[in-house]
Amino acid sequence: MVNLLLQILIFAYASVGIIATIGYIPTIKDLWFHKKMSANISSYIIWTFCSAITFLYALLIISDLLLEIVTGLNFACCAIILILSILLVYRK
Protein backbone atom coordinates (compact mmCIF):
# COMPACT_ATOMS: atom_id res chain seq x y z
CA MET A 1 0.00 0.00 0.00
CA VAL A 2 2.78 2.42 0.91
CA ASN A 3 4.60 1.58 -2.33
CA LEU A 4 1.45 2.37 -4.33
CA LEU A 5 1.08 5.73 -2.59
CA LEU A 6 4.72 6.55 -3.30
CA GLN A 7 4.26 5.68 -6.98
CA ILE A 8 1.18 7.90 -7.15
CA LEU A 9 3.13 10.74 -5.54
CA ILE A 10 6.00 10.31 -8.03
CA PHE A 11 3.54 10.38 -10.94
CA ALA A 12 1.76 13.43 -9.49
CA TYR A 13 5.05 15.30 -9.03
CA ALA A 14 6.11 14.58 -12.60
CA SER A 15 2.68 15.68 -13.83
CA VAL A 16 2.85 18.94 -11.90
CA GLY A 17 6.23 19.66 -13.47
CA ILE A 18 4.84 19.12 -16.95
CA ILE A 19 1.71 21.17 -16.24
CA ALA A 20 3.78 24.03 -14.82
CA THR A 21 5.97 24.00 -17.94
CA ILE A 22 2.87 24.13 -20.15
CA GLY A 23 1.72 27.11 -18.09
CA TYR A 24 4.71 29.14 -19.30
CA ILE A 25 3.86 28.63 -22.98
CA PRO A 26 1.31 31.48 -23.33
CA THR A 27 3.80 34.02 -21.96
CA ILE A 28 6.57 32.69 -24.20
CA LYS A 29 4.23 32.88 -27.21
CA ASP A 30 3.25 36.46 -26.36
CA LEU A 31 6.88 37.50 -26.12
CA TRP A 32 8.25 35.51 -29.07
CA PHE A 33 5.50 35.66 -31.69
CA HIS A 34 3.33 38.64 -30.79
CA LYS A 35 6.12 40.86 -29.37
CA LYS A 36 3.70 41.66 -26.56
CA MET A 37 5.20 42.48 -23.18
CA SER A 38 3.34 40.09 -20.91
CA ALA A 39 5.96 39.42 -18.26
CA ASN A 40 7.18 41.50 -15.35
CA ILE A 41 10.96 41.63 -15.71
CA SER A 42 11.56 42.27 -12.00
CA SER A 43 9.54 39.21 -11.06
CA TYR A 44 11.28 37.03 -13.62
CA ILE A 45 14.71 38.16 -12.43
CA ILE A 46 13.80 36.90 -8.97
CA TRP A 47 12.10 33.71 -10.25
CA THR A 48 14.99 32.90 -12.60
CA PHE A 49 17.54 33.37 -9.84
CA CYS A 50 15.53 31.27 -7.37
CA SER A 51 14.85 28.53 -9.90
CA ALA A 52 18.56 28.46 -10.85
CA ILE A 53 19.51 27.90 -7.22
CA THR A 54 16.83 25.21 -6.86
CA PHE A 55 18.01 23.48 -10.04
CA LEU A 56 21.65 23.55 -8.93
CA TYR A 57 20.66 22.19 -5.52
CA ALA A 58 18.72 19.36 -7.15
CA LEU A 59 21.59 18.69 -9.55
CA LEU A 60 24.53 18.88 -7.17
CA ILE A 61 23.13 18.01 -3.74
CA ILE A 62 20.01 15.85 -4.11
CA SER A 63 20.98 14.03 -7.34
CA ASP A 64 17.44 12.86 -8.12
CA LEU A 65 16.69 12.68 -11.86
CA LEU A 66 12.99 13.52 -11.62
CA LEU A 67 13.68 16.54 -9.40
CA GLU A 68 16.47 17.64 -11.73
CA ILE A 69 14.14 17.47 -14.74
CA VAL A 70 11.30 19.36 -13.06
CA THR A 71 13.51 22.08 -11.61
CA GLY A 72 15.51 22.28 -14.84
CA LEU A 73 12.36 22.83 -16.90
CA ASN A 74 11.20 25.51 -14.49
CA PHE A 75 14.57 27.25 -14.65
CA ALA A 76 14.71 27.03 -18.44
CA CYS A 77 11.22 28.50 -18.85
CA CYS A 78 11.92 31.35 -16.42
CA ALA A 79 15.22 32.11 -18.16
CA ILE A 80 13.60 32.05 -21.61
CA ILE A 81 10.88 34.46 -20.50
CA LEU A 82 13.41 36.75 -18.82
CA ILE A 83 15.66 36.83 -21.89
CA LEU A 84 12.77 37.40 -24.29
CA SER A 85 11.40 40.19 -22.08
CA ILE A 86 14.75 41.96 -21.88
CA LEU A 87 15.25 41.62 -25.64
CA LEU A 88 11.79 43.03 -26.28
CA VAL A 89 12.46 46.06 -24.07
CA TYR A 90 15.79 46.82 -25.74
CA ARG A 91 14.46 46.37 -29.29
CA LYS A 92 12.00 49.22 -28.86
PDB file of N, CA and C in Angstrom:
ATOM      1  N   MET A   1       0.817  -1.204   0.000  1.00  0.00           N
ATOM      2  CA  MET A   1       0.000   0.000   0.000  1.00  0.00           C
ATOM      3  C   MET A   1       0.859   1.265   0.000  1.00  0.00           C
ATOM      4  N   VAL A   2       1.895   1.268   0.836  1.00  0.00           N
ATOM      5  CA  VAL A   2       2.783   2.421   0.914  1.00  0.00           C
ATOM      6  C   VAL A   2       3.496   2.620  -0.423  1.00  0.00           C
ATOM      7  N   ASN A   3       3.926   1.516  -1.039  1.00  0.00           N
ATOM      8  CA  ASN A   3       4.602   1.584  -2.329  1.00  0.00           C
ATOM      9  C   ASN A   3       3.687   2.193  -3.397  1.00  0.00           C
ATOM     10  N   LEU A   4       2.420   1.821  -3.387  1.00  0.00           N
ATOM     11  CA  LEU A   4       1.455   2.371  -4.331  1.00  0.00           C
ATOM     12  C   LEU A   4       1.294   3.876  -4.121  1.00  0.00           C
ATOM     13  N   LEU A   5       1.205   4.304  -2.884  1.00  0.00           N
ATOM     14  CA  LEU A   5       1.080   5.731  -2.586  1.00  0.00           C
ATOM     15  C   LEU A   5       2.319   6.503  -3.040  1.00  0.00           C
ATOM     16  N   LEU A   6       3.494   5.906  -2.859  1.00  0.00           N
ATOM     17  CA  LEU A   6       4.721   6.554  -3.300  1.00  0.00           C
ATOM     18  C   LEU A   6       4.757   6.675  -4.830  1.00  0.00           C
ATOM     19  N   GLN A   7       4.311   5.640  -5.518  1.00  0.00           N
ATOM     20  CA  GLN A   7       4.263   5.679  -6.982  1.00  0.00           C
ATOM     21  C   GLN A   7       3.280   6.746  -7.476  1.00  0.00           C
ATOM     22  N   ILE A   8       2.157   6.865  -6.807  1.00  0.00           N
ATOM     23  CA  ILE A   8       1.178   7.899  -7.153  1.00  0.00           C
ATOM     24  C   ILE A   8       1.772   9.284  -6.929  1.00  0.00           C
ATOM     25  N   LEU A   9       2.493   9.459  -5.833  1.00  0.00           N
ATOM     26  CA  LEU A   9       3.133  10.741  -5.539  1.00  0.00           C
ATOM     27  C   LEU A   9       4.198  11.075  -6.581  1.00  0.00           C
ATOM     28  N   ILE A  10       4.984  10.099  -6.993  1.00  0.00           N
ATOM     29  CA  ILE A  10       5.999  10.315  -8.030  1.00  0.00           C
ATOM     30  C   ILE A  10       5.339  10.732  -9.339  1.00  0.00           C
ATOM     31  N   PHE A  11       4.273  10.041  -9.712  1.00  0.00           N
ATOM     32  CA  PHE A  11       3.541  10.381 -10.939  1.00  0.00           C
ATOM     33  C   PHE A  11       2.943  11.787 -10.838  1.00  0.00           C
ATOM     34  N   ALA A  12       2.371  12.108  -9.686  1.00  0.00           N
ATOM     35  CA  ALA A  12       1.763  13.430  -9.491  1.00  0.00           C
ATOM     36  C   ALA A  12       2.825  14.530  -9.572  1.00  0.00           C
ATOM     37  N   TYR A  13       3.986  14.294  -8.988  1.00  0.00           N
ATOM     38  CA  TYR A  13       5.054  15.295  -9.027  1.00  0.00           C
ATOM     39  C   TYR A  13       5.531  15.522 -10.458  1.00  0.00           C
ATOM     40  N   ALA A  14       5.710  14.447 -11.203  1.00  0.00           N
ATOM     41  CA  ALA A  14       6.113  14.579 -12.604  1.00  0.00           C
ATOM     42  C   ALA A  14       5.044  15.318 -13.401  1.00  0.00           C
ATOM     43  N   SER A  15       3.783  15.022 -13.129  1.00  0.00           N
ATOM     44  CA  SER A  15       2.676  15.676 -13.833  1.00  0.00           C
ATOM     45  C   SER A  15       2.638  17.164 -13.531  1.00  0.00           C
ATOM     46  N   VAL A  16       2.844  17.529 -12.294  1.00  0.00           N
ATOM     47  CA  VAL A  16       2.848  18.941 -11.899  1.00  0.00           C
ATOM     48  C   VAL A  16       3.977  19.678 -12.618  1.00  0.00           C
ATOM     49  N   GLY A  17       5.123  19.044 -12.752  1.00  0.00           N
ATOM     50  CA  GLY A  17       6.235  19.660 -13.475  1.00  0.00           C
ATOM     51  C   GLY A  17       5.896  19.916 -14.927  1.00  0.00           C
ATOM     52  N   ILE A  18       5.235  18.964 -15.554  1.00  0.00           N
ATOM     53  CA  ILE A  18       4.835  19.123 -16.952  1.00  0.00           C
ATOM     54  C   ILE A  18       3.761  20.193 -17.079  1.00  0.00           C
ATOM     55  N   ILE A  19       2.784  20.171 -16.204  1.00  0.00           N
ATOM     56  CA  ILE A  19       1.708  21.167 -16.240  1.00  0.00           C
ATOM     57  C   ILE A  19       2.262  22.571 -16.018  1.00  0.00           C
ATOM     58  N   ALA A  20       3.180  22.712 -15.084  1.00  0.00           N
ATOM     59  CA  ALA A  20       3.781  24.026 -14.822  1.00  0.00           C
ATOM     60  C   ALA A  20       4.539  24.521 -16.050  1.00  0.00           C
ATOM     61  N   THR A  21       5.247  23.629 -16.726  1.00  0.00           N
ATOM     62  CA  THR A  21       5.969  23.996 -17.941  1.00  0.00           C
ATOM     63  C   THR A  21       4.997  24.451 -19.024  1.00  0.00           C
ATOM     64  N   ILE A  22       3.901  23.740 -19.179  1.00  0.00           N
ATOM     65  CA  ILE A  22       2.873  24.132 -20.151  1.00  0.00           C
ATOM     66  C   ILE A  22       2.313  25.504 -19.808  1.00  0.00           C
ATOM     67  N   GLY A  23       2.241  25.815 -18.521  1.00  0.00           N
ATOM     68  CA  GLY A  23       1.722  27.111 -18.085  1.00  0.00           C
ATOM     69  C   GLY A  23       2.576  28.288 -18.535  1.00  0.00           C
ATOM     70  N   TYR A  24       3.842  28.062 -18.825  1.00  0.00           N
ATOM     71  CA  TYR A  24       4.714  29.139 -19.297  1.00  0.00           C
ATOM     72  C   TYR A  24       4.517  29.432 -20.788  1.00  0.00           C
ATOM     73  N   ILE A  25       3.958  28.507 -21.527  1.00  0.00           N
ATOM     74  CA  ILE A  25       3.861  28.629 -22.985  1.00  0.00           C
ATOM     75  C   ILE A  25       3.115  29.889 -23.436  1.00  0.00           C
ATOM     76  N   PRO A  26       1.969  30.256 -22.853  1.00  0.00           N
ATOM     77  CA  PRO A  26       1.305  31.485 -23.326  1.00  0.00           C
ATOM     78  C   PRO A  26       2.171  32.736 -23.206  1.00  0.00           C
ATOM     79  N   THR A  27       2.922  32.849 -22.137  1.00  0.00           N
ATOM     80  CA  THR A  27       3.796  34.017 -21.959  1.00  0.00           C
ATOM     81  C   THR A  27       4.932  33.992 -22.977  1.00  0.00           C
ATOM     82  N   ILE A  28       5.502  32.822 -23.203  1.00  0.00           N
ATOM     83  CA  ILE A  28       6.574  32.691 -24.195  1.00  0.00           C
ATOM     84  C   ILE A  28       6.039  33.035 -25.588  1.00  0.00           C
ATOM     85  N   LYS A  29       4.842  32.557 -25.909  1.00  0.00           N
ATOM     86  CA  LYS A  29       4.234  32.876 -27.207  1.00  0.00           C
ATOM     87  C   LYS A  29       3.995  34.375 -27.355  1.00  0.00           C
ATOM     88  N   ASP A  30       3.472  35.013 -26.310  1.00  0.00           N
ATOM     89  CA  ASP A  30       3.249  36.463 -26.359  1.00  0.00           C
ATOM     90  C   ASP A  30       4.551  37.215 -26.639  1.00  0.00           C
ATOM     91  N   LEU A  31       5.600  36.818 -25.974  1.00  0.00           N
ATOM     92  CA  LEU A  31       6.877  37.504 -26.122  1.00  0.00           C
ATOM     93  C   LEU A  31       7.553  37.195 -27.461  1.00  0.00           C
ATOM     94  N   TRP A  32       7.519  35.947 -27.877  1.00  0.00           N
ATOM     95  CA  TRP A  32       8.246  35.510 -29.073  1.00  0.00           C
ATOM     96  C   TRP A  32       7.515  35.872 -30.364  1.00  0.00           C
ATOM     97  N   PHE A  33       6.237  35.513 -30.446  1.00  0.00           N
ATOM     98  CA  PHE A  33       5.505  35.663 -31.695  1.00  0.00           C
ATOM     99  C   PHE A  33       4.782  37.006 -31.809  1.00  0.00           C
ATOM    100  N   HIS A  34       4.164  37.438 -30.739  1.00  0.00           N
ATOM    101  CA  HIS A  34       3.333  38.638 -30.786  1.00  0.00           C
ATOM    102  C   HIS A  34       4.081  39.904 -30.354  1.00  0.00           C
ATOM    103  N   LYS A  35       5.308  39.725 -29.854  1.00  0.00           N
ATOM    104  CA  LYS A  35       6.123  40.855 -29.369  1.00  0.00           C
ATOM    105  C   LYS A  35       5.339  41.700 -28.371  1.00  0.00           C
ATOM    106  N   LYS A  36       4.553  41.019 -27.557  1.00  0.00           N
ATOM    107  CA  LYS A  36       3.703  41.665 -26.559  1.00  0.00           C
ATOM    108  C   LYS A  36       4.337  41.472 -25.177  1.00  0.00           C
ATOM    109  N   MET A  37       4.596  42.565 -24.504  1.00  0.00           N
ATOM    110  CA  MET A  37       5.200  42.483 -23.183  1.00  0.00           C
ATOM    111  C   MET A  37       4.169  41.961 -22.190  1.00  0.00           C
ATOM    112  N   SER A  38       4.311  40.705 -21.819  1.00  0.00           N
ATOM    113  CA  SER A  38       3.337  40.094 -20.912  1.00  0.00           C
ATOM    114  C   SER A  38       4.009  39.517 -19.674  1.00  0.00           C
ATOM    115  N   ALA A  39       5.241  39.929 -19.416  1.00  0.00           N
ATOM    116  CA  ALA A  39       5.958  39.417 -18.256  1.00  0.00           C
ATOM    117  C   ALA A  39       6.597  40.580 -17.501  1.00  0.00           C
ATOM    118  N   ASN A  40       6.552  40.502 -16.200  1.00  0.00           N
ATOM    119  CA  ASN A  40       7.182  41.503 -15.353  1.00  0.00           C
ATOM    120  C   ASN A  40       8.655  41.128 -15.196  1.00  0.00           C
ATOM    121  N   ILE A  41       9.537  41.954 -15.721  1.00  0.00           N
ATOM    122  CA  ILE A  41      10.962  41.626 -15.709  1.00  0.00           C
ATOM    123  C   ILE A  41      11.494  41.485 -14.285  1.00  0.00           C
ATOM    124  N   SER A  42      11.079  42.356 -13.385  1.00  0.00           N
ATOM    125  CA  SER A  42      11.560  42.267 -12.000  1.00  0.00           C
ATOM    126  C   SER A  42      11.188  40.925 -11.368  1.00  0.00           C
ATOM    127  N   SER A  43       9.970  40.500 -11.604  1.00  0.00           N
ATOM    128  CA  SER A  43       9.538  39.211 -11.056  1.00  0.00           C
ATOM    129  C   SER A  43      10.335  38.065 -11.665  1.00  0.00           C
ATOM    130  N   TYR A  44      10.557  38.124 -12.976  1.00  0.00           N
ATOM    131  CA  TYR A  44      11.285  37.029 -13.625  1.00  0.00           C
ATOM    132  C   TYR A  44      12.769  37.027 -13.296  1.00  0.00           C
ATOM    133  N   ILE A  45      13.334  38.158 -12.938  1.00  0.00           N
ATOM    134  CA  ILE A  45      14.713  38.159 -12.435  1.00  0.00           C
ATOM    135  C   ILE A  45      14.775  37.354 -11.141  1.00  0.00           C
ATOM    136  N   ILE A  46      13.839  37.617 -10.249  1.00  0.00           N
ATOM    137  CA  ILE A  46      13.795  36.898  -8.972  1.00  0.00           C
ATOM    138  C   ILE A  46      13.508  35.421  -9.203  1.00  0.00           C
ATOM    139  N   TRP A  47      12.479  35.106 -10.022  1.00  0.00           N
ATOM    140  CA  TRP A  47      12.102  33.708 -10.253  1.00  0.00           C
ATOM    141  C   TRP A  47      13.200  32.924 -10.973  1.00  0.00           C
ATOM    142  N   THR A  48      13.900  33.577 -11.895  1.00  0.00           N
ATOM    143  CA  THR A  48      14.988  32.896 -12.600  1.00  0.00           C
ATOM    144  C   THR A  48      16.138  32.604 -11.644  1.00  0.00           C
ATOM    145  N   PHE A  49      16.486  33.586 -10.819  1.00  0.00           N
ATOM    146  CA  PHE A  49      17.544  33.375  -9.837  1.00  0.00           C
ATOM    147  C   PHE A  49      17.179  32.248  -8.865  1.00  0.00           C
ATOM    148  N   CYS A  50      15.964  32.296  -8.334  1.00  0.00           N
ATOM    149  CA  CYS A  50      15.528  31.269  -7.373  1.00  0.00           C
ATOM    150  C   CYS A  50      15.452  29.889  -8.022  1.00  0.00           C
ATOM    151  N   SER A  51      14.951  29.835  -9.238  1.00  0.00           N
ATOM    152  CA  SER A  51      14.850  28.531  -9.899  1.00  0.00           C
ATOM    153  C   SER A  51      16.234  28.005 -10.289  1.00  0.00           C
ATOM    154  N   ALA A  52      17.188  28.898 -10.571  1.00  0.00           N
ATOM    155  CA  ALA A  52      18.558  28.459 -10.849  1.00  0.00           C
ATOM    156  C   ALA A  52      19.178  27.822  -9.606  1.00  0.00           C
ATOM    157  N   ILE A  53      18.989  28.454  -8.474  1.00  0.00           N
ATOM    158  CA  ILE A  53      19.515  27.896  -7.216  1.00  0.00           C
ATOM    159  C   ILE A  53      18.854  26.552  -6.915  1.00  0.00           C
ATOM    160  N   THR A  54      17.548  26.464  -7.107  1.00  0.00           N
ATOM    161  CA  THR A  54      16.834  25.211  -6.864  1.00  0.00           C
ATOM    162  C   THR A  54      17.331  24.117  -7.799  1.00  0.00           C
ATOM    163  N   PHE A  55      17.518  24.455  -9.071  1.00  0.00           N
ATOM    164  CA  PHE A  55      18.013  23.482 -10.045  1.00  0.00           C
ATOM    165  C   PHE A  55      19.419  23.015  -9.675  1.00  0.00           C
ATOM    166  N   LEU A  56      20.294  23.938  -9.330  1.00  0.00           N
ATOM    167  CA  LEU A  56      21.653  23.554  -8.931  1.00  0.00           C
ATOM    168  C   LEU A  56      21.652  22.691  -7.674  1.00  0.00           C
ATOM    169  N   TYR A  57      20.780  23.002  -6.731  1.00  0.00           N
ATOM    170  CA  TYR A  57      20.664  22.194  -5.517  1.00  0.00           C
ATOM    171  C   TYR A  57      20.206  20.779  -5.864  1.00  0.00           C
ATOM    172  N   ALA A  58      19.207  20.681  -6.728  1.00  0.00           N
ATOM    173  CA  ALA A  58      18.723  19.364  -7.151  1.00  0.00           C
ATOM    174  C   ALA A  58      19.818  18.606  -7.893  1.00  0.00           C
ATOM    175  N   LEU A  59      20.560  19.312  -8.725  1.00  0.00           N
ATOM    176  CA  LEU A  59      21.586  18.690  -9.553  1.00  0.00           C
ATOM    177  C   LEU A  59      22.807  18.249  -8.745  1.00  0.00           C
ATOM    178  N   LEU A  60      23.268  19.124  -7.859  1.00  0.00           N
ATOM    179  CA  LEU A  60      24.532  18.879  -7.173  1.00  0.00           C
ATOM    180  C   LEU A  60      24.392  18.263  -5.786  1.00  0.00           C
ATOM    181  N   ILE A  61      23.289  18.486  -5.108  1.00  0.00           N
ATOM    182  CA  ILE A  61      23.131  18.011  -3.737  1.00  0.00           C
ATOM    183  C   ILE A  61      22.209  16.795  -3.671  1.00  0.00           C
ATOM    184  N   ILE A  62      21.015  16.911  -4.227  1.00  0.00           N
ATOM    185  CA  ILE A  62      20.015  15.848  -4.112  1.00  0.00           C
ATOM    186  C   ILE A  62      20.296  14.698  -5.076  1.00  0.00           C
ATOM    187  N   SER A  63      20.680  15.028  -6.295  1.00  0.00           N
ATOM    188  CA  SER A  63      20.975  14.035  -7.338  1.00  0.00           C
ATOM    189  C   SER A  63      19.813  13.072  -7.577  1.00  0.00           C
ATOM    190  N   ASP A  64      18.625  13.642  -7.783  1.00  0.00           N
ATOM    191  CA  ASP A  64      17.435  12.856  -8.125  1.00  0.00           C
ATOM    192  C   ASP A  64      16.994  13.284  -9.523  1.00  0.00           C
ATOM    193  N   LEU A  65      16.948  12.342 -10.461  1.00  0.00           N
ATOM    194  CA  LEU A  65      16.695  12.677 -11.857  1.00  0.00           C
ATOM    195  C   LEU A  65      15.362  13.386 -12.064  1.00  0.00           C
ATOM    196  N   LEU A  66      14.300  12.898 -11.448  1.00  0.00           N
ATOM    197  CA  LEU A  66      12.991  13.524 -11.625  1.00  0.00           C
ATOM    198  C   LEU A  66      12.999  14.961 -11.108  1.00  0.00           C
ATOM    199  N   LEU A  67      13.582  15.183  -9.949  1.00  0.00           N
ATOM    200  CA  LEU A  67      13.679  16.538  -9.399  1.00  0.00           C
ATOM    201  C   LEU A  67      14.537  17.428 -10.294  1.00  0.00           C
ATOM    202  N   GLU A  68      15.609  16.877 -10.831  1.00  0.00           N
ATOM    203  CA  GLU A  68      16.469  17.639 -11.732  1.00  0.00           C
ATOM    204  C   GLU A  68      15.713  18.053 -12.993  1.00  0.00           C
ATOM    205  N   ILE A  69      14.910  17.155 -13.540  1.00  0.00           N
ATOM    206  CA  ILE A  69      14.138  17.465 -14.745  1.00  0.00           C
ATOM    207  C   ILE A  69      13.112  18.553 -14.464  1.00  0.00           C
ATOM    208  N   VAL A  70      12.358  18.389 -13.387  1.00  0.00           N
ATOM    209  CA  VAL A  70      11.300  19.358 -13.062  1.00  0.00           C
ATOM    210  C   VAL A  70      11.891  20.733 -12.762  1.00  0.00           C
ATOM    211  N   THR A  71      12.919  20.787 -11.939  1.00  0.00           N
ATOM    212  CA  THR A  71      13.513  22.079 -11.606  1.00  0.00           C
ATOM    213  C   THR A  71      14.259  22.668 -12.806  1.00  0.00           C
ATOM    214  N   GLY A  72      14.832  21.804 -13.633  1.00  0.00           N
ATOM    215  CA  GLY A  72      15.508  22.276 -14.841  1.00  0.00           C
ATOM    216  C   GLY A  72      14.538  22.895 -15.833  1.00  0.00           C
ATOM    217  N   LEU A  73      13.379  22.263 -16.017  1.00  0.00           N
ATOM    218  CA  LEU A  73      12.359  22.826 -16.901  1.00  0.00           C
ATOM    219  C   LEU A  73      11.868  24.171 -16.379  1.00  0.00           C
ATOM    220  N   ASN A  74      11.644  24.250 -15.082  1.00  0.00           N
ATOM    221  CA  ASN A  74      11.196  25.512 -14.486  1.00  0.00           C
ATOM    222  C   ASN A  74      12.241  26.604 -14.699  1.00  0.00           C
ATOM    223  N   PHE A  75      13.500  26.284 -14.443  1.00  0.00           N
ATOM    224  CA  PHE A  75      14.570  27.255 -14.646  1.00  0.00           C
ATOM    225  C   PHE A  75      14.665  27.679 -16.108  1.00  0.00           C
ATOM    226  N   ALA A  76      14.603  26.718 -17.018  1.00  0.00           N
ATOM    227  CA  ALA A  76      14.708  27.029 -18.444  1.00  0.00           C
ATOM    228  C   ALA A  76      13.578  27.958 -18.891  1.00  0.00           C
ATOM    229  N   CYS A  77      12.363  27.661 -18.458  1.00  0.00           N
ATOM    230  CA  CYS A  77      11.221  28.495 -18.845  1.00  0.00           C
ATOM    231  C   CYS A  77      11.340  29.907 -18.276  1.00  0.00           C
ATOM    232  N   CYS A  78      11.734  30.017 -17.025  1.00  0.00           N
ATOM    233  CA  CYS A  78      11.916  31.349 -16.422  1.00  0.00           C
ATOM    234  C   CYS A  78      13.007  32.120 -17.156  1.00  0.00           C
ATOM    235  N   ALA A  79      14.111  31.446 -17.469  1.00  0.00           N
ATOM    236  CA  ALA A  79      15.217  32.113 -18.158  1.00  0.00           C
ATOM    237  C   ALA A  79      14.808  32.540 -19.563  1.00  0.00           C
ATOM    238  N   ILE A  80      14.066  31.702 -20.274  1.00  0.00           N
ATOM    239  CA  ILE A  80      13.597  32.054 -21.614  1.00  0.00           C
ATOM    240  C   ILE A  80      12.713  33.288 -21.563  1.00  0.00           C
ATOM    241  N   ILE A  81      11.783  33.307 -20.629  1.00  0.00           N
ATOM    242  CA  ILE A  81      10.882  34.455 -20.501  1.00  0.00           C
ATOM    243  C   ILE A  81      11.660  35.710 -20.129  1.00  0.00           C
ATOM    244  N   LEU A  82      12.596  35.595 -19.212  1.00  0.00           N
ATOM    245  CA  LEU A  82      13.406  36.753 -18.823  1.00  0.00           C
ATOM    246  C   LEU A  82      14.201  37.286 -20.011  1.00  0.00           C
ATOM    247  N   ILE A  83      14.852  36.410 -20.738  1.00  0.00           N
ATOM    248  CA  ILE A  83      15.661  36.833 -21.890  1.00  0.00           C
ATOM    249  C   ILE A  83      14.780  37.473 -22.964  1.00  0.00           C
ATOM    250  N   LEU A  84      13.668  36.839 -23.283  1.00  0.00           N
ATOM    251  CA  LEU A  84      12.765  37.403 -24.295  1.00  0.00           C
ATOM    252  C   LEU A  84      12.215  38.765 -23.863  1.00  0.00           C
ATOM    253  N   SER A  85      11.910  38.908 -22.587  1.00  0.00           N
ATOM    254  CA  SER A  85      11.399  40.189 -22.079  1.00  0.00           C
ATOM    255  C   SER A  85      12.449  41.279 -22.192  1.00  0.00           C
ATOM    256  N   ILE A  86      13.666  40.965 -21.804  1.00  0.00           N
ATOM    257  CA  ILE A  86      14.748  41.959 -21.880  1.00  0.00           C
ATOM    258  C   ILE A  86      15.019  42.329 -23.338  1.00  0.00           C
ATOM    259  N   LEU A  87      15.050  41.329 -24.217  1.00  0.00           N
ATOM    260  CA  LEU A  87      15.255  41.615 -25.645  1.00  0.00           C
ATOM    261  C   LEU A  87      14.157  42.493 -26.208  1.00  0.00           C
ATOM    262  N   LEU A  88      12.926  42.244 -25.797  1.00  0.00           N
ATOM    263  CA  LEU A  88      11.791  43.034 -26.283  1.00  0.00           C
ATOM    264  C   LEU A  88      11.892  44.489 -25.825  1.00  0.00           C
ATOM    265  N   VAL A  89      12.313  44.689 -24.597  1.00  0.00           N
ATOM    266  CA  VAL A  89      12.455  46.062 -24.069  1.00  0.00           C
ATOM    267  C   VAL A  89      13.553  46.807 -24.825  1.00  0.00           C
ATOM    268  N   TYR A  90      14.670  46.147 -25.101  1.00  0.00           N
ATOM    269  CA  TYR A  90      15.789  46.824 -25.741  1.00  0.00           C
ATOM    270  C   TYR A  90      15.645  46.950 -27.248  1.00  0.00           C
ATOM    271  N   ARG A  91      14.711  46.240 -27.857  1.00  0.00           N
ATOM    272  CA  ARG A  91      14.462  46.366 -29.290  1.00  0.00           C
ATOM    273  C   ARG A  91      13.583  47.562 -29.612  1.00  0.00           C
ATOM    274  N   LYS A  92      12.900  48.087 -28.616  1.00  0.00           N
ATOM    275  CA  LYS A  92      12.002  49.221 -28.859  1.00  0.00           C
ATOM    276  C   LYS A  92      12.739  50.522 -28.890  1.00  0.00           C
TER     277      LYS A  92
END
